[in-house]
Amino acid sequence: MQSSQRSPQRTAPPDPRRNLILRALPDEEYQRLTASMEPVSLKVRDKLYQRDGDIEAVYFPINGALSLLATVEGEAAIEVATIGYEGMSGLPAFLGTPTSLHECFCQIEGQAMCLPTDRLRKILQGDGALHDVLHRYVQATVAQLSQGVACNRLHSTEERCARWLMQSRDRVGADEFTLTQDFLAQMLGVRRGTVSLTAGVLQQAGLIRYSRGRMTILDPAGLHQVACDCYDIIQAEFRRVGLLPHRGDEVSACGA
């Protein structure tokens, strides 16, 4: 992490096993891994690594959300992926690459478990379950990215916004969270004016309340109905690879 960046603050987090990767580990391996980790509090705009910069640590979000941004010269940055309680930042480090094509920063504040990259590599040299769980997470992430491409091409801004808000609710584990118009525009790849119109439609329908950078989900079931099928498809893929419980066995992400 660059010296110009604000370092994440140490904090006492909620249960680290809210993170689905950590939850999937056997108890003994989970204890060994978390002994090498540090709980941190991430604030909005905290940078975890820069494009082409060294990935010095990986983060396992417990709540909140991280964002991966792609930049094209002369154009606005666009989000290509969001990472929350379902995953880990810094996948290139797991795949053997010290840097990333993307920038990673905190999008919605929350807690995470931090593991130095060199320690991750040493742990992966052992015969443990983490290697297998991360491979399954890579598979689910590839599916999420490919579904996102189709979603951005085929679905309306309103449908995509509802999907993204549902996913953010899952990641944060709460119905209310901080979210600026700039970030939401970046997530959806649209102008701020389009964000205002879209949020206004959802708000008028009684599904959300959005004021001064605070998003409140008022009717999760109704918002789910508005969201495109991509939300359920992505959830189903995480179930298929064993990172989410099957329907009927799962605990609600909010408050989990």
Protein backbone atom coordinates (compact mmCIF):
# COMPACT_ATOMS: atom_id res chain seq x y z
CA MET A 1 0.00 0.00 0.00
CA GLN A 2 1.40 3.38 -0.98
CA SER A 3 2.51 5.76 1.75
CA SER A 4 0.15 8.44 0.39
CA GLN A 5 -2.81 6.20 1.05
CA ARG A 6 -4.66 6.20 4.37
CA SER A 7 -3.98 2.91 6.13
CA PRO A 8 -7.06 0.90 7.19
CA GLN A 9 -7.74 1.25 10.92
CA ARG A 10 -7.51 -1.72 13.26
CA THR A 11 -10.82 -2.65 14.82
CA ALA A 12 -12.68 -5.47 16.54
CA PRO A 13 -14.73 -6.98 13.70
CA PRO A 14 -17.91 -9.00 13.65
CA ASP A 15 -17.53 -12.76 13.20
CA PRO A 16 -14.90 -13.28 10.44
CA ARG A 17 -16.78 -16.38 9.36
CA ARG A 18 -19.42 -14.20 7.80
CA ASN A 19 -16.92 -14.17 4.94
CA LEU A 20 -17.88 -17.16 2.79
CA ILE A 21 -14.31 -18.20 1.98
CA LEU A 22 -13.34 -18.29 5.65
CA ARG A 23 -16.63 -20.01 6.50
CA ALA A 24 -15.85 -22.82 4.03
CA LEU A 25 -12.58 -23.78 5.78
CA PRO A 26 -12.33 -26.62 8.30
CA ASP A 27 -12.11 -25.35 11.88
CA GLU A 28 -8.44 -26.23 12.38
CA GLU A 29 -7.33 -24.53 9.17
CA TYR A 30 -9.55 -21.53 9.88
CA GLN A 31 -7.84 -21.06 13.25
CA ARG A 32 -4.36 -21.32 11.70
CA LEU A 33 -5.22 -18.86 8.96
CA THR A 34 -6.86 -16.23 11.15
CA ALA A 35 -3.86 -16.36 13.51
CA SER A 36 -1.90 -14.76 10.63
CA MET A 37 -4.59 -12.20 9.82
CA GLU A 38 -5.39 -8.76 11.16
CA PRO A 39 -8.88 -7.25 11.54
CA VAL A 40 -9.17 -3.86 9.85
CA SER A 41 -11.84 -1.22 9.34
CA LEU A 42 -12.08 0.05 5.77
CA LYS A 43 -13.41 3.50 4.99
CA VAL A 44 -14.84 4.73 1.71
CA ARG A 45 -12.08 5.43 -0.85
CA ASP A 46 -9.37 3.50 1.04
CA LYS A 47 -7.14 2.11 -1.72
CA LEU A 48 -6.02 -1.48 -1.29
CA TYR A 49 -3.86 -1.54 -4.41
CA GLN A 50 -3.35 0.52 -7.54
CA ARG A 51 -3.29 -0.50 -11.16
CA ASP A 52 0.11 -2.10 -11.87
CA GLY A 53 1.03 -1.60 -8.20
CA ASP A 54 2.15 -4.39 -5.89
CA ILE A 55 -0.61 -6.33 -4.13
CA GLU A 56 0.92 -6.24 -0.65
CA ALA A 57 -2.05 -7.82 1.15
CA VAL A 58 -5.33 -9.57 0.41
CA TYR A 59 -8.57 -8.70 2.19
CA PHE A 60 -11.50 -10.92 3.17
CA PRO A 61 -14.47 -8.55 3.63
CA ILE A 62 -16.87 -9.34 6.47
CA ASN A 63 -19.28 -6.55 5.61
CA GLY A 64 -18.96 -3.56 3.32
CA ALA A 65 -17.84 -3.81 -0.29
CA LEU A 66 -14.70 -3.37 -2.36
CA SER A 67 -14.63 -2.28 -5.99
CA LEU A 68 -12.36 -3.19 -8.90
CA LEU A 69 -12.06 -0.41 -11.46
CA ALA A 70 -10.86 -0.57 -15.05
CA THR A 71 -9.53 2.62 -16.60
CA VAL A 72 -9.18 3.58 -20.26
CA GLU A 73 -7.11 6.61 -21.22
CA GLY A 74 -9.33 9.64 -21.68
CA GLU A 75 -12.41 7.87 -20.33
CA ALA A 76 -14.08 7.60 -16.91
CA ALA A 77 -13.20 4.56 -14.79
CA ILE A 78 -15.78 1.77 -14.81
CA GLU A 79 -16.38 -0.88 -12.18
CA VAL A 80 -15.74 -4.40 -13.44
CA ALA A 81 -16.36 -6.28 -10.20
CA THR A 82 -17.53 -5.81 -6.61
CA ILE A 83 -16.11 -7.91 -3.77
CA GLY A 84 -17.94 -8.44 -0.52
CA TYR A 85 -18.53 -11.12 2.09
CA GLU A 86 -18.50 -13.75 -0.66
CA GLY A 87 -14.83 -13.32 -1.54
CA MET A 88 -11.31 -11.97 -1.32
CA SER A 89 -9.49 -9.05 -2.91
CA GLY A 90 -6.21 -9.59 -4.72
CA LEU A 91 -7.01 -12.74 -6.73
CA PRO A 92 -4.01 -12.09 -9.03
CA ALA A 93 -1.77 -12.74 -6.00
CA PHE A 94 -3.38 -16.15 -5.55
CA LEU A 95 -2.94 -16.86 -9.27
CA GLY A 96 0.76 -16.01 -9.09
CA THR A 97 0.81 -12.43 -10.38
CA PRO A 98 2.20 -9.70 -8.07
CA THR A 99 0.22 -6.85 -9.69
CA SER A 100 -3.22 -6.24 -11.18
CA LEU A 101 -4.61 -4.54 -14.26
CA HIS A 102 -7.26 -2.99 -12.02
CA GLU A 103 -7.44 -0.61 -9.08
CA CYS A 104 -9.06 -1.86 -5.87
CA PHE A 105 -10.62 0.43 -3.27
CA CYS A 106 -13.29 0.42 -0.60
CA GLN A 107 -16.68 1.32 -2.01
CA ILE A 108 -18.90 0.77 1.07
CA GLU A 109 -17.22 1.00 4.47
CA GLY A 110 -16.99 -2.07 6.66
CA GLN A 111 -14.69 -4.59 8.33
CA ALA A 112 -12.33 -7.10 6.75
CA MET A 113 -9.60 -9.57 7.65
CA CYS A 114 -6.22 -8.63 6.17
CA LEU A 115 -3.53 -11.17 5.23
CA PRO A 116 -0.08 -10.17 3.87
CA THR A 117 0.47 -11.57 0.39
CA ASP A 118 3.74 -13.26 1.29
CA ARG A 119 1.97 -15.05 4.14
CA LEU A 120 -0.83 -16.13 1.77
CA ARG A 121 1.72 -17.71 -0.56
CA LYS A 122 3.37 -19.61 2.30
CA ILE A 123 0.01 -20.91 3.53
CA LEU A 124 -0.91 -22.05 0.02
CA GLN A 125 2.27 -24.14 -0.16
CA GLY A 126 0.77 -26.43 2.48
CA ASP A 127 -1.79 -29.15 1.83
CA GLY A 128 -4.84 -27.25 3.06
CA ALA A 129 -8.40 -26.52 1.99
CA LEU A 130 -7.80 -22.82 1.22
CA HIS A 131 -6.30 -23.64 -2.18
CA ASP A 132 -9.43 -25.55 -3.22
CA VAL A 133 -11.83 -22.94 -1.81
CA LEU A 134 -10.07 -20.12 -3.66
CA HIS A 135 -10.20 -22.09 -6.91
CA ARG A 136 -13.95 -22.43 -6.43
CA TYR A 137 -14.18 -18.71 -5.73
CA VAL A 138 -12.27 -18.01 -8.97
CA GLN A 139 -14.83 -20.11 -10.85
CA ALA A 140 -17.74 -18.21 -9.28
CA THR A 141 -16.00 -14.88 -9.98
CA VAL A 142 -15.50 -15.74 -13.67
CA ALA A 143 -19.20 -16.62 -13.88
CA GLN A 144 -20.10 -13.35 -12.14
CA LEU A 145 -17.96 -11.30 -14.54
CA SER A 146 -19.36 -13.00 -17.65
CA GLN A 147 -22.93 -12.60 -16.39
CA GLY A 148 -22.19 -8.94 -15.73
CA VAL A 149 -21.17 -8.43 -19.36
CA ALA A 150 -24.49 -9.90 -20.54
CA CYS A 151 -26.41 -7.92 -17.93
CA ASN A 152 -24.87 -4.59 -18.96
CA ARG A 153 -25.75 -5.29 -22.59
CA LEU A 154 -29.27 -6.69 -22.23
CA HIS A 155 -30.94 -5.25 -19.13
CA SER A 156 -32.32 -1.84 -18.29
CA THR A 157 -30.63 0.56 -15.91
CA GLU A 158 -33.49 0.09 -13.46
CA GLU A 159 -33.09 -3.72 -13.46
CA ARG A 160 -29.31 -3.49 -13.12
CA CYS A 161 -29.57 -0.94 -10.32
CA ALA A 162 -31.99 -3.16 -8.39
CA ARG A 163 -29.65 -6.14 -8.83
CA TRP A 164 -26.65 -4.16 -7.70
CA LEU A 165 -28.49 -2.83 -4.63
CA MET A 166 -29.59 -6.37 -3.69
CA GLN A 167 -26.00 -7.59 -3.96
CA SER A 168 -24.77 -4.65 -1.90
CA ARG A 169 -27.39 -5.39 0.78
CA ASP A 170 -26.10 -8.97 0.95
CA ARG A 171 -22.50 -7.83 1.25
CA VAL A 172 -23.11 -5.19 3.90
CA GLY A 173 -25.53 -7.38 5.87
CA ALA A 174 -27.84 -4.41 6.47
CA ASP A 175 -30.68 -2.55 4.80
CA GLU A 176 -28.94 0.83 5.08
CA PHE A 177 -25.50 1.87 3.87
CA THR A 178 -23.56 4.85 2.53
CA LEU A 179 -23.55 5.20 -1.25
CA THR A 180 -22.74 8.30 -3.30
CA GLN A 181 -24.29 9.07 -6.68
CA ASP A 182 -20.80 9.13 -8.20
CA PHE A 183 -20.12 5.57 -7.06
CA LEU A 184 -23.50 4.31 -8.19
CA ALA A 185 -22.96 5.91 -11.60
CA GLN A 186 -19.56 4.22 -11.78
CA MET A 187 -21.06 0.87 -10.85
CA LEU A 188 -23.75 1.09 -13.53
CA GLY A 189 -21.63 2.82 -16.17
CA VAL A 190 -24.10 5.69 -16.59
CA ARG A 191 -24.23 9.44 -15.99
CA ARG A 192 -25.24 10.90 -12.61
CA GLY A 193 -28.45 12.24 -14.14
CA THR A 194 -29.46 8.69 -15.09
CA VAL A 195 -28.72 7.56 -11.54
CA SER A 196 -31.03 10.27 -10.16
CA LEU A 197 -33.84 9.24 -12.50
CA THR A 198 -33.42 5.53 -11.74
CA ALA A 199 -33.23 6.02 -7.98
CA GLY A 200 -36.27 8.26 -8.23
CA VAL A 201 -38.30 5.53 -9.92
CA LEU A 202 -37.33 2.95 -7.27
CA GLN A 203 -38.00 5.45 -4.49
CA GLN A 204 -41.41 6.40 -5.88
CA ALA A 205 -42.30 2.71 -5.96
CA GLY A 206 -41.55 2.51 -2.22
CA LEU A 207 -38.61 0.12 -2.68
CA ILE A 208 -35.79 2.36 -1.45
CA ARG A 209 -35.09 5.68 0.25
CA TYR A 210 -32.06 7.59 -0.99
CA SER A 211 -30.99 10.87 0.56
CA ARG A 212 -27.65 12.63 1.09
CA GLY A 213 -25.57 9.61 0.21
CA ARG A 214 -27.53 7.17 2.41
CA MET A 215 -29.27 4.24 0.73
CA THR A 216 -32.03 2.42 2.60
CA ILE A 217 -33.69 -0.71 1.22
CA LEU A 218 -37.34 -0.44 2.31
CA ASP A 219 -38.78 -3.45 0.47
CA PRO A 220 -36.16 -6.16 -0.28
CA ALA A 221 -38.74 -8.56 -1.76
CA GLY A 222 -40.10 -5.86 -4.06
CA LEU A 223 -36.59 -4.82 -5.09
CA HIS A 224 -35.78 -8.46 -5.84
CA GLN A 225 -38.75 -8.60 -8.20
CA VAL A 226 -37.50 -5.54 -10.09
CA ALA A 227 -33.92 -6.88 -10.31
CA CYS A 228 -32.97 -8.83 -13.42
CA ASP A 229 -32.49 -12.60 -13.25
CA CYS A 230 -28.73 -12.08 -13.07
CA TYR A 231 -29.00 -11.68 -9.29
CA ASP A 232 -30.43 -15.20 -8.89
CA ILE A 233 -28.08 -16.67 -11.51
CA ILE A 234 -25.01 -15.38 -9.67
CA GLN A 235 -26.38 -16.58 -6.32
CA ALA A 236 -27.01 -20.00 -7.84
CA GLU A 237 -23.42 -20.21 -9.08
CA PHE A 238 -22.06 -19.49 -5.60
CA ARG A 239 -24.31 -22.26 -4.31
CA ARG A 240 -23.13 -24.63 -7.04
CA VAL A 241 -19.47 -24.21 -6.06
CA GLY A 242 -20.34 -24.63 -2.38
CA LEU A 243 -19.76 -21.09 -1.13
CA LEU A 244 -23.43 -20.39 -0.35
CA PRO A 245 -25.87 -22.76 1.38
CA HIS A 246 -28.65 -24.21 -0.74
CA ARG A 247 -32.07 -22.59 -0.47
CA GLY A 248 -33.87 -23.64 2.69
CA ASP A 249 -30.57 -24.12 4.54
CA GLU A 250 -29.22 -20.58 4.37
CA VAL A 251 -29.36 -17.77 6.88
CA SER A 252 -30.30 -14.36 5.52
CA ALA A 253 -27.27 -12.31 4.54
CA CYS A 254 -28.63 -9.37 6.51
CA GLY A 255 -27.55 -9.84 10.08
CA ALA A 256 -25.77 -13.12 9.26
